[in-house]
């Protein structure tokens, strides 16, 4: 996990001594909204969605967390209840890092402190970008931007949707029907090719113009 890449080995060994591994089946809940956790989590393999759910059942997926990524770091510094629900979208191995061990590591290893602050800073910028996209960008722009992010420059333009269309749609703030319709439209325009969950970017420049909005498309 990048967060621990520059930690001194003795400090890393001490953290590992306190950490525990949790194997979670697909569909199982890792943590619930409202819990006081006193830890944060890392993903060894699998996929986890972090979501908000309304009383009526409507869900907003805020983030998909994959291998080598972490979540819940801010909970280490506060006893406030966990604001999100975390659910495994595939069989997943979770590493649980207790707060006391993490706080001790922060005191003894400046490189870890810098890395954790960097993580939290990146998460804040991602949240701002999320709010901007949901309020200022059209559904078509959001979908195009997301497809671009799946296969960045330097790749062969091939990517795979990391989760079902229902989950991806909830992540982008659109309905599943809207997401499927926009994929079909972009495929008909020659921008992408879709085969179930496999996506090929056929016209990256055109897709980028769609992501920028009507003034550029």
N, C-alpha and C. Protein backbone atom coordinates (compact mmCIF):
# COMPACT_ATOMS: atom_id res chain seq x y z
N UNK A 1 0.84 -1.18 0.00
CA UNK A 1 0.00 0.00 0.00
C UNK A 1 0.89 1.24 0.00
N UNK A 2 0.68 2.16 -0.92
CA UNK A 2 1.53 3.35 -1.02
C UNK A 2 1.67 4.13 0.28
N UNK A 3 0.62 4.14 1.10
CA UNK A 3 0.64 4.89 2.34
C UNK A 3 1.79 4.44 3.25
N UNK A 4 2.17 3.17 3.17
CA UNK A 4 3.19 2.62 4.07
C UNK A 4 4.53 2.39 3.38
N UNK A 5 4.67 2.88 2.17
CA UNK A 5 5.84 2.54 1.35
C UNK A 5 7.15 3.05 1.95
N UNK A 6 7.15 4.19 2.62
CA UNK A 6 8.40 4.81 3.09
C UNK A 6 8.59 4.70 4.60
N UNK A 7 7.82 3.86 5.24
CA UNK A 7 7.95 3.70 6.69
C UNK A 7 9.18 2.85 7.01
N UNK A 8 9.90 3.22 8.07
CA UNK A 8 11.03 2.40 8.53
C UNK A 8 10.54 1.00 8.89
N UNK A 9 11.31 0.00 8.52
CA UNK A 9 10.87 -1.39 8.70
C UNK A 9 10.50 -1.75 10.15
N UNK A 10 11.26 -1.31 11.16
CA UNK A 10 10.84 -1.63 12.54
C UNK A 10 9.48 -1.04 12.88
N UNK A 11 9.21 0.18 12.40
CA UNK A 11 7.91 0.79 12.66
C UNK A 11 6.79 0.05 11.93
N UNK A 12 7.10 -0.37 10.72
CA UNK A 12 6.11 -1.12 9.93
C UNK A 12 5.79 -2.46 10.60
N UNK A 13 6.83 -3.11 11.12
CA UNK A 13 6.63 -4.40 11.81
C UNK A 13 5.77 -4.22 13.05
N UNK A 14 5.97 -3.10 13.76
CA UNK A 14 5.17 -2.84 14.96
C UNK A 14 3.70 -2.61 14.60
N UNK A 15 3.46 -1.86 13.52
CA UNK A 15 2.09 -1.64 13.07
C UNK A 15 1.45 -2.97 12.66
N UNK A 16 2.21 -3.78 11.92
CA UNK A 16 1.68 -5.07 11.47
C UNK A 16 1.32 -5.97 12.65
N UNK A 17 2.04 -5.83 13.74
CA UNK A 17 1.78 -6.66 14.93
C UNK A 17 0.39 -6.36 15.51
N UNK A 18 -0.05 -5.12 15.34
CA UNK A 18 -1.35 -4.73 15.89
C UNK A 18 -2.49 -4.84 14.87
N UNK A 19 -2.14 -4.87 13.59
CA UNK A 19 -3.18 -4.94 12.56
C UNK A 19 -3.81 -6.33 12.52
N UNK A 20 -5.01 -6.39 11.96
CA UNK A 20 -5.65 -7.70 11.80
C UNK A 20 -6.24 -7.80 10.40
N UNK A 21 -6.37 -9.02 9.95
CA UNK A 21 -6.88 -9.29 8.61
C UNK A 21 -8.32 -9.79 8.71
N UNK A 22 -9.15 -9.32 7.79
CA UNK A 22 -10.56 -9.69 7.79
C UNK A 22 -10.94 -10.12 6.37
N UNK A 23 -11.44 -11.33 6.20
CA UNK A 23 -11.90 -11.80 4.90
C UNK A 23 -13.41 -11.59 4.82
N UNK A 24 -13.84 -10.86 3.79
CA UNK A 24 -15.24 -10.45 3.67
C UNK A 24 -15.81 -10.98 2.36
N UNK A 25 -16.95 -11.63 2.45
CA UNK A 25 -17.62 -12.14 1.27
C UNK A 25 -18.30 -11.02 0.49
N UNK A 26 -18.46 -11.24 -0.81
CA UNK A 26 -19.17 -10.28 -1.64
C UNK A 26 -20.56 -10.01 -1.08
N UNK A 27 -20.92 -8.74 -0.98
CA UNK A 27 -22.22 -8.34 -0.47
C UNK A 27 -22.26 -8.08 1.02
N UNK A 28 -21.19 -8.46 1.74
CA UNK A 28 -21.17 -8.27 3.19
C UNK A 28 -20.79 -6.84 3.54
N UNK A 29 -21.30 -6.37 4.66
CA UNK A 29 -21.00 -5.02 5.15
C UNK A 29 -19.74 -5.04 6.00
N UNK A 30 -18.81 -4.17 5.71
CA UNK A 30 -17.56 -4.07 6.46
C UNK A 30 -17.74 -3.15 7.66
N UNK A 31 -18.39 -2.02 7.46
CA UNK A 31 -18.73 -1.13 8.56
C UNK A 31 -19.99 -0.36 8.19
N UNK A 32 -20.72 0.03 9.22
CA UNK A 32 -22.00 0.70 9.02
C UNK A 32 -21.94 2.16 9.42
N UNK A 33 -22.81 2.93 8.81
CA UNK A 33 -22.96 4.34 9.19
C UNK A 33 -23.37 4.42 10.65
N UNK A 34 -22.73 5.31 11.39
CA UNK A 34 -23.09 5.50 12.79
C UNK A 34 -22.19 4.78 13.77
N UNK A 35 -21.39 3.82 13.30
CA UNK A 35 -20.48 3.10 14.19
C UNK A 35 -19.30 3.98 14.59
N UNK A 36 -18.80 3.81 15.81
CA UNK A 36 -17.54 4.40 16.23
C UNK A 36 -16.48 3.32 16.05
N UNK A 37 -15.53 3.54 15.13
CA UNK A 37 -14.69 2.45 14.65
C UNK A 37 -13.33 2.36 15.34
N UNK A 38 -12.69 3.49 15.66
CA UNK A 38 -11.35 3.47 16.25
C UNK A 38 -10.33 2.70 15.40
N UNK A 39 -10.42 2.88 14.10
CA UNK A 39 -9.50 2.20 13.18
C UNK A 39 -9.68 2.79 11.79
N UNK A 40 -8.79 2.40 10.87
CA UNK A 40 -9.07 2.62 9.46
C UNK A 40 -8.71 1.35 8.70
N UNK A 41 -9.01 1.32 7.41
CA UNK A 41 -8.98 0.07 6.65
C UNK A 41 -8.11 0.18 5.40
N UNK A 42 -7.50 -0.92 5.03
CA UNK A 42 -6.78 -1.04 3.77
C UNK A 42 -7.31 -2.26 3.02
N UNK A 43 -7.24 -2.22 1.69
CA UNK A 43 -7.73 -3.32 0.87
C UNK A 43 -6.53 -4.07 0.28
N UNK A 44 -6.41 -5.34 0.60
CA UNK A 44 -5.36 -6.17 0.01
C UNK A 44 -5.79 -6.66 -1.37
N UNK A 45 -7.02 -7.16 -1.46
CA UNK A 45 -7.61 -7.49 -2.76
C UNK A 45 -9.12 -7.38 -2.63
N UNK A 46 -9.78 -7.25 -3.80
CA UNK A 46 -11.23 -7.11 -3.80
C UNK A 46 -11.66 -5.69 -4.14
N UNK A 47 -12.89 -5.34 -3.82
CA UNK A 47 -13.45 -4.02 -4.14
C UNK A 47 -14.52 -3.68 -3.11
N UNK A 48 -14.49 -2.42 -2.65
CA UNK A 48 -15.42 -1.96 -1.63
C UNK A 48 -16.07 -0.67 -2.09
N UNK A 49 -17.37 -0.54 -1.85
CA UNK A 49 -18.04 0.73 -2.13
C UNK A 49 -18.33 1.45 -0.82
N UNK A 50 -18.09 2.77 -0.84
CA UNK A 50 -18.43 3.63 0.28
C UNK A 50 -19.65 4.43 -0.14
N UNK A 51 -20.73 4.33 0.62
CA UNK A 51 -21.99 4.88 0.15
C UNK A 51 -22.81 5.51 1.26
N UNK A 52 -23.69 6.41 0.85
CA UNK A 52 -24.75 6.95 1.69
C UNK A 52 -26.06 6.36 1.20
N UNK A 53 -26.94 6.03 2.11
CA UNK A 53 -28.23 5.46 1.72
C UNK A 53 -29.36 6.22 2.39
N UNK A 54 -30.33 6.66 1.58
CA UNK A 54 -31.49 7.37 2.11
C UNK A 54 -32.49 6.37 2.69
N UNK A 55 -33.43 6.88 3.50
CA UNK A 55 -34.43 6.01 4.11
C UNK A 55 -35.27 5.28 3.07
N UNK A 56 -35.44 5.92 1.90
CA UNK A 56 -36.24 5.30 0.85
C UNK A 56 -35.48 4.25 0.04
N UNK A 57 -34.21 4.06 0.37
CA UNK A 57 -33.41 3.04 -0.32
C UNK A 57 -32.49 3.59 -1.39
N UNK A 58 -32.65 4.88 -1.75
CA UNK A 58 -31.79 5.47 -2.77
C UNK A 58 -30.36 5.55 -2.24
N UNK A 59 -29.41 5.23 -3.10
CA UNK A 59 -28.02 5.15 -2.67
C UNK A 59 -27.15 6.10 -3.48
N UNK A 60 -26.20 6.74 -2.78
CA UNK A 60 -25.18 7.56 -3.43
C UNK A 60 -23.82 6.93 -3.13
N UNK A 61 -23.17 6.41 -4.16
CA UNK A 61 -21.85 5.83 -4.00
C UNK A 61 -20.82 6.94 -4.10
N UNK A 62 -20.06 7.15 -3.04
CA UNK A 62 -19.09 8.24 -3.00
C UNK A 62 -17.72 7.81 -3.50
N UNK A 63 -17.39 6.54 -3.35
CA UNK A 63 -16.06 6.10 -3.74
C UNK A 63 -16.03 4.59 -3.88
N UNK A 64 -15.24 4.10 -4.83
CA UNK A 64 -14.94 2.68 -4.95
C UNK A 64 -13.48 2.49 -4.54
N UNK A 65 -13.24 1.60 -3.59
CA UNK A 65 -11.91 1.40 -3.03
C UNK A 65 -11.39 0.04 -3.47
N UNK A 66 -10.23 0.04 -4.14
CA UNK A 66 -9.67 -1.19 -4.67
C UNK A 66 -8.38 -1.59 -4.00
N UNK A 67 -7.68 -2.58 -4.54
CA UNK A 67 -6.44 -3.09 -3.95
C UNK A 67 -5.40 -2.00 -3.73
N UNK A 68 -4.73 -2.06 -2.58
CA UNK A 68 -3.66 -1.15 -2.16
C UNK A 68 -4.19 0.23 -1.74
N UNK A 69 -5.50 0.42 -1.72
CA UNK A 69 -6.08 1.69 -1.29
C UNK A 69 -6.59 1.58 0.14
N UNK A 70 -6.77 2.72 0.78
CA UNK A 70 -7.23 2.77 2.16
C UNK A 70 -8.45 3.67 2.28
N UNK A 71 -9.19 3.51 3.37
CA UNK A 71 -10.32 4.41 3.64
C UNK A 71 -10.54 4.50 5.15
N UNK A 72 -11.18 5.59 5.55
CA UNK A 72 -11.52 5.80 6.95
C UNK A 72 -10.40 6.41 7.78
N UNK A 73 -9.34 6.94 7.13
CA UNK A 73 -8.20 7.47 7.88
C UNK A 73 -8.59 8.58 8.84
N UNK A 74 -9.52 9.45 8.44
CA UNK A 74 -9.90 10.58 9.28
C UNK A 74 -10.51 10.13 10.61
N UNK A 75 -11.07 8.92 10.66
CA UNK A 75 -11.71 8.42 11.88
C UNK A 75 -10.69 8.15 12.98
N UNK A 76 -9.42 8.03 12.60
CA UNK A 76 -8.37 7.80 13.60
C UNK A 76 -8.26 9.00 14.54
N UNK A 77 -8.55 10.20 14.04
CA UNK A 77 -8.35 11.42 14.82
C UNK A 77 -9.61 11.89 15.53
N UNK A 78 -10.68 11.15 15.43
CA UNK A 78 -11.94 11.60 16.00
C UNK A 78 -12.77 10.40 16.45
N UNK A 79 -13.52 10.60 17.50
CA UNK A 79 -14.44 9.55 17.96
C UNK A 79 -15.84 9.76 17.40
N UNK A 80 -15.94 10.62 16.39
CA UNK A 80 -17.24 10.84 15.76
C UNK A 80 -17.68 9.58 15.03
N UNK A 81 -18.97 9.36 14.89
CA UNK A 81 -19.47 8.15 14.22
C UNK A 81 -19.05 8.10 12.74
N UNK A 82 -18.87 6.91 12.25
CA UNK A 82 -18.55 6.69 10.84
C UNK A 82 -19.71 7.22 9.98
N UNK A 83 -19.45 8.10 9.00
CA UNK A 83 -20.54 8.69 8.21
C UNK A 83 -21.02 7.84 7.04
N UNK A 84 -20.28 6.76 6.70
CA UNK A 84 -20.57 6.00 5.48
C UNK A 84 -20.75 4.52 5.77
N UNK A 85 -21.39 3.86 4.82
CA UNK A 85 -21.48 2.40 4.87
C UNK A 85 -20.47 1.83 3.87
N UNK A 86 -19.72 0.83 4.29
CA UNK A 86 -18.75 0.18 3.41
C UNK A 86 -19.20 -1.25 3.15
N UNK A 87 -19.38 -1.59 1.87
CA UNK A 87 -19.88 -2.92 1.48
C UNK A 87 -18.94 -3.52 0.44
N UNK A 88 -18.62 -4.79 0.61
CA UNK A 88 -17.75 -5.49 -0.34
C UNK A 88 -18.52 -5.80 -1.62
N UNK A 89 -17.95 -5.42 -2.76
CA UNK A 89 -18.55 -5.72 -4.06
C UNK A 89 -17.98 -7.00 -4.67
N UNK A 90 -16.97 -7.55 -4.02
CA UNK A 90 -16.36 -8.81 -4.42
C UNK A 90 -15.78 -9.42 -3.16
N UNK A 91 -15.41 -10.69 -3.21
CA UNK A 91 -14.71 -11.27 -2.07
C UNK A 91 -13.46 -10.43 -1.81
N UNK A 92 -13.31 -9.96 -0.59
CA UNK A 92 -12.32 -8.93 -0.28
C UNK A 92 -11.52 -9.28 0.98
N UNK A 93 -10.24 -8.97 0.93
CA UNK A 93 -9.38 -9.07 2.12
C UNK A 93 -9.10 -7.67 2.63
N UNK A 94 -9.55 -7.41 3.84
CA UNK A 94 -9.41 -6.09 4.46
C UNK A 94 -8.36 -6.18 5.57
N UNK A 95 -7.49 -5.17 5.64
CA UNK A 95 -6.55 -5.05 6.75
C UNK A 95 -7.05 -3.92 7.64
N UNK A 96 -7.22 -4.21 8.93
CA UNK A 96 -7.75 -3.24 9.89
C UNK A 96 -6.59 -2.70 10.72
N UNK A 97 -6.42 -1.37 10.72
CA UNK A 97 -5.33 -0.71 11.45
C UNK A 97 -5.91 0.03 12.65
N UNK A 98 -5.68 -0.45 13.87
CA UNK A 98 -6.25 0.20 15.07
C UNK A 98 -5.70 1.61 15.28
N UNK A 99 -6.54 2.48 15.80
CA UNK A 99 -6.17 3.89 15.97
C UNK A 99 -4.94 4.08 16.83
N UNK A 100 -4.85 3.37 17.96
CA UNK A 100 -3.73 3.58 18.88
C UNK A 100 -2.39 3.26 18.21
N UNK A 101 -2.36 2.18 17.42
CA UNK A 101 -1.12 1.81 16.73
C UNK A 101 -0.77 2.85 15.67
N UNK A 102 -1.79 3.39 15.00
CA UNK A 102 -1.56 4.40 13.97
C UNK A 102 -1.06 5.70 14.60
N UNK A 103 -1.66 6.11 15.71
CA UNK A 103 -1.24 7.34 16.39
C UNK A 103 0.19 7.21 16.91
N UNK A 104 0.55 6.04 17.38
CA UNK A 104 1.92 5.80 17.82
C UNK A 104 2.89 5.92 16.65
N UNK A 105 2.49 5.36 15.51
CA UNK A 105 3.34 5.43 14.32
C UNK A 105 3.52 6.88 13.86
N UNK A 106 2.46 7.68 13.96
CA UNK A 106 2.55 9.09 13.58
C UNK A 106 3.58 9.83 14.44
N UNK A 107 3.68 9.46 15.71
CA UNK A 107 4.62 10.11 16.61
C UNK A 107 6.07 9.75 16.31
N UNK A 108 6.28 8.55 15.77
CA UNK A 108 7.64 8.04 15.63
C UNK A 108 8.18 8.05 14.20
N UNK A 109 7.31 8.26 13.22
CA UNK A 109 7.77 8.17 11.82
C UNK A 109 7.23 9.34 11.01
N UNK A 110 8.04 10.40 10.81
CA UNK A 110 7.58 11.59 10.07
C UNK A 110 7.15 11.27 8.64
N UNK A 111 7.78 10.28 8.00
CA UNK A 111 7.41 9.97 6.61
C UNK A 111 5.98 9.44 6.54
N UNK A 112 5.58 8.68 7.55
CA UNK A 112 4.19 8.21 7.58
C UNK A 112 3.23 9.37 7.80
N UNK A 113 3.61 10.29 8.69
CA UNK A 113 2.76 11.46 8.95
C UNK A 113 2.56 12.27 7.67
N UNK A 114 3.65 12.48 6.92
CA UNK A 114 3.53 13.21 5.65
C UNK A 114 2.65 12.46 4.66
N UNK A 115 2.83 11.15 4.60
CA UNK A 115 2.02 10.35 3.67
C UNK A 115 0.55 10.37 4.01
N UNK A 116 0.23 10.29 5.30
CA UNK A 116 -1.16 10.33 5.72
C UNK A 116 -1.79 11.68 5.44
N UNK A 117 -1.05 12.76 5.71
CA UNK A 117 -1.55 14.10 5.40
C UNK A 117 -1.78 14.26 3.90
N UNK A 118 -0.86 13.71 3.10
CA UNK A 118 -1.04 13.75 1.65
C UNK A 118 -2.29 13.01 1.22
N UNK A 119 -2.53 11.84 1.83
CA UNK A 119 -3.74 11.07 1.53
C UNK A 119 -5.00 11.86 1.83
N UNK A 120 -5.03 12.46 3.00
CA UNK A 120 -6.21 13.24 3.40
C UNK A 120 -6.40 14.46 2.52
N UNK A 121 -5.29 15.07 2.10
CA UNK A 121 -5.37 16.22 1.19
C UNK A 121 -5.94 15.79 -0.16
N UNK A 122 -5.45 14.67 -0.70
CA UNK A 122 -5.97 14.16 -1.97
C UNK A 122 -7.46 13.87 -1.86
N UNK A 123 -7.88 13.30 -0.74
CA UNK A 123 -9.28 12.96 -0.54
C UNK A 123 -10.14 14.21 -0.52
N UNK A 124 -9.62 15.29 0.10
CA UNK A 124 -10.37 16.55 0.14
C UNK A 124 -10.55 17.11 -1.27
N UNK A 125 -9.48 17.08 -2.08
CA UNK A 125 -9.57 17.59 -3.45
C UNK A 125 -10.52 16.73 -4.28
N UNK A 126 -10.50 15.41 -4.06
CA UNK A 126 -11.43 14.53 -4.76
C UNK A 126 -12.87 14.87 -4.41
N UNK A 127 -13.11 15.18 -3.14
CA UNK A 127 -14.47 15.52 -2.71
C UNK A 127 -14.94 16.82 -3.35
N UNK A 128 -14.04 17.81 -3.43
CA UNK A 128 -14.39 19.07 -4.10
C UNK A 128 -14.70 18.82 -5.57
N UNK A 129 -13.88 17.99 -6.22
CA UNK A 129 -14.12 17.67 -7.63
C UNK A 129 -15.46 16.94 -7.80
N UNK A 130 -15.80 16.10 -6.83
CA UNK A 130 -17.07 15.37 -6.88
C UNK A 130 -18.25 16.33 -6.79
N UNK A 131 -18.16 17.29 -5.86
CA UNK A 131 -19.24 18.28 -5.70
C UNK A 131 -19.35 19.12 -6.97
N UNK A 132 -18.21 19.52 -7.52
CA UNK A 132 -18.22 20.31 -8.75
C UNK A 132 -18.87 19.55 -9.89
N UNK A 133 -18.51 18.27 -10.04
CA UNK A 133 -19.06 17.47 -11.13
C UNK A 133 -20.57 17.29 -10.98
N UNK A 134 -21.02 17.02 -9.76
CA UNK A 134 -22.45 16.74 -9.56
C UNK A 134 -23.31 17.98 -9.69
N UNK A 135 -22.71 19.17 -9.48
CA UNK A 135 -23.51 20.40 -9.53
C UNK A 135 -23.33 21.18 -10.82
N UNK A 136 -22.15 21.07 -11.46
CA UNK A 136 -21.85 21.92 -12.61
C UNK A 136 -21.76 21.16 -13.93
N UNK A 137 -21.60 19.85 -13.90
CA UNK A 137 -21.45 19.09 -15.13
C UNK A 137 -22.71 18.30 -15.44
N UNK A 138 -23.00 18.13 -16.72
CA UNK A 138 -24.14 17.33 -17.13
C UNK A 138 -23.83 15.84 -16.93
N UNK A 139 -24.86 15.01 -16.98
CA UNK A 139 -24.67 13.57 -16.86
C UNK A 139 -23.74 13.05 -17.96
N UNK A 140 -23.90 13.59 -19.15
CA UNK A 140 -23.06 13.18 -20.29
C UNK A 140 -21.59 13.51 -20.03
N UNK A 141 -21.33 14.69 -19.50
CA UNK A 141 -19.96 15.09 -19.18
C UNK A 141 -19.37 14.19 -18.10
N UNK A 142 -20.16 13.90 -17.08
CA UNK A 142 -19.67 13.05 -15.98
C UNK A 142 -19.30 11.66 -16.48
N UNK A 143 -20.16 11.10 -17.33
CA UNK A 143 -19.88 9.75 -17.85
C UNK A 143 -18.62 9.76 -18.72
N UNK A 144 -18.50 10.77 -19.58
CA UNK A 144 -17.32 10.85 -20.45
C UNK A 144 -16.04 11.01 -19.63
N UNK A 145 -16.08 11.85 -18.61
CA UNK A 145 -14.90 12.04 -17.74
C UNK A 145 -14.55 10.76 -17.03
N UNK A 146 -15.56 10.04 -16.58
CA UNK A 146 -15.30 8.79 -15.86
C UNK A 146 -14.66 7.76 -16.78
N UNK A 147 -15.17 7.64 -18.00
CA UNK A 147 -14.60 6.68 -18.95
C UNK A 147 -13.16 7.03 -19.27
N UNK A 148 -12.87 8.32 -19.40
CA UNK A 148 -11.48 8.76 -19.62
C UNK A 148 -10.58 8.31 -18.47
N UNK A 149 -11.08 8.43 -17.25
CA UNK A 149 -10.25 8.10 -16.08
C UNK A 149 -9.96 6.60 -15.98
N UNK A 150 -10.82 5.78 -16.58
CA UNK A 150 -10.61 4.33 -16.52
C UNK A 150 -9.42 3.89 -17.37
N UNK A 151 -9.16 4.62 -18.45
CA UNK A 151 -8.06 4.26 -19.36
C UNK A 151 -7.25 5.50 -19.65
N UNK A 152 -6.37 5.92 -18.72
CA UNK A 152 -5.61 7.16 -18.90
C UNK A 152 -4.64 7.09 -20.06
N UNK A 153 -4.12 8.25 -20.43
CA UNK A 153 -3.13 8.33 -21.51
C UNK A 153 -1.97 7.38 -21.23
N UNK A 154 -1.46 6.77 -22.29
CA UNK A 154 -0.35 5.84 -22.14
C UNK A 154 -0.80 4.40 -22.08
N UNK A 155 -2.12 4.17 -21.92
CA UNK A 155 -2.64 2.81 -21.97
C UNK A 155 -3.15 2.54 -23.38
N UNK A 156 -3.62 1.32 -23.61
CA UNK A 156 -4.11 0.97 -24.95
C UNK A 156 -5.57 1.35 -25.16
N UNK A 157 -6.12 2.11 -24.22
CA UNK A 157 -7.51 2.54 -24.36
C UNK A 157 -8.52 1.51 -23.93
N UNK A 158 -8.06 0.40 -23.40
CA UNK A 158 -8.96 -0.65 -22.92
C UNK A 158 -9.13 -0.55 -21.41
N UNK A 159 -10.34 -0.76 -20.96
CA UNK A 159 -10.61 -0.70 -19.53
C UNK A 159 -11.81 -1.60 -19.22
N UNK A 160 -11.99 -1.84 -17.94
CA UNK A 160 -13.11 -2.65 -17.50
C UNK A 160 -13.84 -1.90 -16.39
N UNK A 161 -15.14 -1.83 -16.49
CA UNK A 161 -15.91 -1.20 -15.42
C UNK A 161 -15.64 -1.98 -14.14
N UNK A 162 -15.21 -1.31 -13.07
CA UNK A 162 -14.83 -2.03 -11.85
C UNK A 162 -15.99 -2.62 -11.08
N UNK A 163 -17.20 -2.20 -11.40
CA UNK A 163 -18.39 -2.69 -10.70
C UNK A 163 -19.55 -2.76 -11.69
N UNK A 164 -20.72 -3.14 -11.21
CA UNK A 164 -21.89 -3.23 -12.07
C UNK A 164 -22.31 -1.85 -12.54
N UNK A 165 -23.12 -1.80 -13.60
CA UNK A 165 -23.62 -0.52 -14.09
C UNK A 165 -24.46 0.19 -13.04
N UNK A 166 -25.16 -0.57 -12.22
CA UNK A 166 -25.97 0.04 -11.16
C UNK A 166 -25.09 0.80 -10.18
N UNK A 167 -23.98 0.18 -9.77
CA UNK A 167 -23.07 0.82 -8.82
C UNK A 167 -22.36 2.02 -9.45
N UNK A 168 -21.89 1.85 -10.70
CA UNK A 168 -21.22 2.96 -11.39
C UNK A 168 -22.18 4.13 -11.56
N UNK A 169 -23.42 3.85 -11.93
CA UNK A 169 -24.41 4.92 -12.09
C UNK A 169 -24.61 5.67 -10.78
N UNK A 170 -24.69 4.93 -9.66
CA UNK A 170 -24.84 5.57 -8.36
C UNK A 170 -23.61 6.39 -8.02
N UNK A 171 -22.45 5.93 -8.46
CA UNK A 171 -21.21 6.68 -8.22
C UNK A 171 -21.23 8.01 -8.99
N UNK A 172 -21.84 8.01 -10.19
CA UNK A 172 -21.85 9.20 -11.04
C UNK A 172 -23.08 10.07 -10.83
N UNK A 173 -23.99 9.62 -9.98
CA UNK A 173 -25.18 10.42 -9.70
C UNK A 173 -26.21 10.41 -10.80
N UNK A 174 -26.30 9.28 -11.53
CA UNK A 174 -27.31 9.12 -12.58
C UNK A 174 -28.02 7.79 -12.36
N UNK A 175 -29.13 7.59 -13.05
CA UNK A 175 -29.80 6.30 -12.97
C UNK A 175 -29.08 5.28 -13.85
N UNK A 176 -29.33 4.01 -13.59
CA UNK A 176 -28.74 2.95 -14.42
C UNK A 176 -29.19 3.10 -15.86
N UNK A 177 -30.47 3.46 -16.06
CA UNK A 177 -31.00 3.61 -17.42
C UNK A 177 -30.30 4.74 -18.16
N UNK A 178 -30.06 5.86 -17.47
CA UNK A 178 -29.36 6.98 -18.09
C UNK A 178 -27.93 6.60 -18.44
N UNK A 179 -27.26 5.91 -17.54
CA UNK A 179 -25.88 5.48 -17.78
C UNK A 179 -25.81 4.57 -19.00
N UNK A 180 -26.72 3.59 -19.08
CA UNK A 180 -26.73 2.67 -20.22
C UNK A 180 -27.03 3.40 -21.52
N UNK A 181 -27.96 4.35 -21.46
CA UNK A 181 -28.31 5.11 -22.67
C UNK A 181 -27.12 5.93 -23.17
N UNK A 182 -26.41 6.57 -22.24
CA UNK A 182 -25.26 7.39 -22.64
C UNK A 182 -24.13 6.53 -23.20
N UNK A 183 -23.94 5.34 -22.65
CA UNK A 183 -22.94 4.43 -23.21
C UNK A 183 -23.30 4.05 -24.65
N UNK A 184 -24.59 3.77 -24.88
CA UNK A 184 -25.04 3.43 -26.24
C UNK A 184 -24.82 4.60 -27.19
N UNK A 185 -25.18 5.81 -26.76
CA UNK A 185 -25.01 6.99 -27.62
C UNK A 185 -23.54 7.20 -27.97
N UNK A 186 -22.67 7.08 -26.99
CA UNK A 186 -21.23 7.28 -27.24
C UNK A 186 -20.67 6.18 -28.14
N UNK A 187 -21.21 4.97 -28.00
CA UNK A 187 -20.79 3.87 -28.88
C UNK A 187 -21.25 4.13 -30.31
N UNK A 188 -22.49 4.60 -30.46
CA UNK A 188 -23.02 4.90 -31.80
C UNK A 188 -22.26 6.03 -32.48
N UNK A 189 -21.69 6.93 -31.68
CA UNK A 189 -20.90 8.05 -32.22
C UNK A 189 -19.45 7.66 -32.49
N UNK A 190 -19.10 6.41 -32.21
CA UNK A 190 -17.75 5.95 -32.46
C UNK A 190 -16.74 6.37 -31.42
N UNK A 191 -17.21 6.88 -30.28
CA UNK A 191 -16.29 7.32 -29.23
C UNK A 191 -15.75 6.15 -28.42
N UNK A 192 -16.61 5.16 -28.19
CA UNK A 192 -16.22 4.01 -27.38
C UNK A 192 -16.80 2.74 -28.01
N UNK A 193 -16.34 1.62 -27.51
CA UNK A 193 -16.91 0.33 -27.84
C UNK A 193 -17.22 -0.38 -26.54
N UNK A 194 -18.40 -0.96 -26.42
CA UNK A 194 -18.82 -1.58 -25.16
C UNK A 194 -19.15 -3.05 -25.40
N UNK A 195 -18.56 -3.89 -24.57
CA UNK A 195 -18.87 -5.32 -24.58
C UNK A 195 -19.05 -5.76 -23.14
N UNK A 196 -20.32 -5.76 -22.69
CA UNK A 196 -20.63 -6.02 -21.29
C UNK A 196 -19.91 -4.99 -20.42
N UNK A 197 -18.93 -5.43 -19.58
CA UNK A 197 -18.23 -4.48 -18.72
C UNK A 197 -16.89 -4.03 -19.30
N UNK A 198 -16.59 -4.48 -20.51
CA UNK A 198 -15.35 -4.08 -21.17
C UNK A 198 -15.59 -2.81 -22.00
N UNK A 199 -14.71 -1.83 -21.85
CA UNK A 199 -14.82 -0.56 -22.56
C UNK A 199 -13.54 -0.32 -23.36
N UNK A 200 -13.70 0.06 -24.62
CA UNK A 200 -12.55 0.46 -25.44
C UNK A 200 -12.77 1.89 -25.88
N UNK A 201 -11.79 2.76 -25.60
CA UNK A 201 -11.89 4.15 -26.04
C UNK A 201 -11.42 4.22 -27.48
N UNK A 202 -12.36 4.42 -28.41
CA UNK A 202 -12.03 4.47 -29.84
C UNK A 202 -11.60 5.86 -30.29
N UNK A 203 -12.12 6.87 -29.62
CA UNK A 203 -11.81 8.26 -29.99
C UNK A 203 -11.60 9.05 -28.71
N UNK A 204 -10.38 9.00 -28.19
CA UNK A 204 -10.10 9.64 -26.92
C UNK A 204 -10.27 11.16 -27.00
N UNK A 205 -9.86 11.75 -28.14
CA UNK A 205 -9.99 13.20 -28.31
C UNK A 205 -11.45 13.61 -28.30
N UNK A 206 -12.28 12.86 -29.02
CA UNK A 206 -13.71 13.18 -29.05
C UNK A 206 -14.34 13.01 -27.68
N UNK A 207 -13.93 11.99 -26.95
CA UNK A 207 -14.47 11.77 -25.61
C UNK A 207 -14.07 12.90 -24.67
N UNK A 208 -12.83 13.38 -24.81
CA UNK A 208 -12.37 14.50 -23.99
C UNK A 208 -13.19 15.76 -24.28
N UNK A 209 -13.54 15.97 -25.55
CA UNK A 209 -14.35 17.15 -25.90
C UNK A 209 -15.75 17.04 -25.28
N UNK A 210 -16.30 15.83 -25.26
CA UNK A 210 -17.61 15.64 -24.63
C UNK A 210 -17.51 15.96 -23.14
N UNK A 211 -16.42 15.50 -22.51
CA UNK A 211 -16.24 15.73 -21.08
C UNK A 211 -16.15 17.23 -20.77
N UNK A 212 -15.61 18.01 -21.70
CA UNK A 212 -15.44 19.45 -21.49
C UNK A 212 -16.74 20.22 -21.67
N UNK A 213 -17.70 19.64 -22.37
CA UNK A 213 -19.00 20.28 -22.49
C UNK A 213 -19.35 20.72 -23.89
N UNK A 214 -20.58 21.20 -24.09
CA UNK A 214 -21.10 21.56 -25.42
C UNK A 214 -20.24 22.57 -26.17
N UNK A 215 -19.58 23.47 -25.45
CA UNK A 215 -18.79 24.50 -26.13
C UNK A 215 -17.59 23.90 -26.85
N UNK A 216 -17.18 22.68 -26.46
CA UNK A 216 -16.01 22.06 -27.05
C UNK A 216 -16.36 20.88 -27.95
N UNK A 217 -17.53 20.25 -27.69
CA UNK A 217 -17.91 19.04 -28.43
C UNK A 217 -18.32 19.37 -29.86
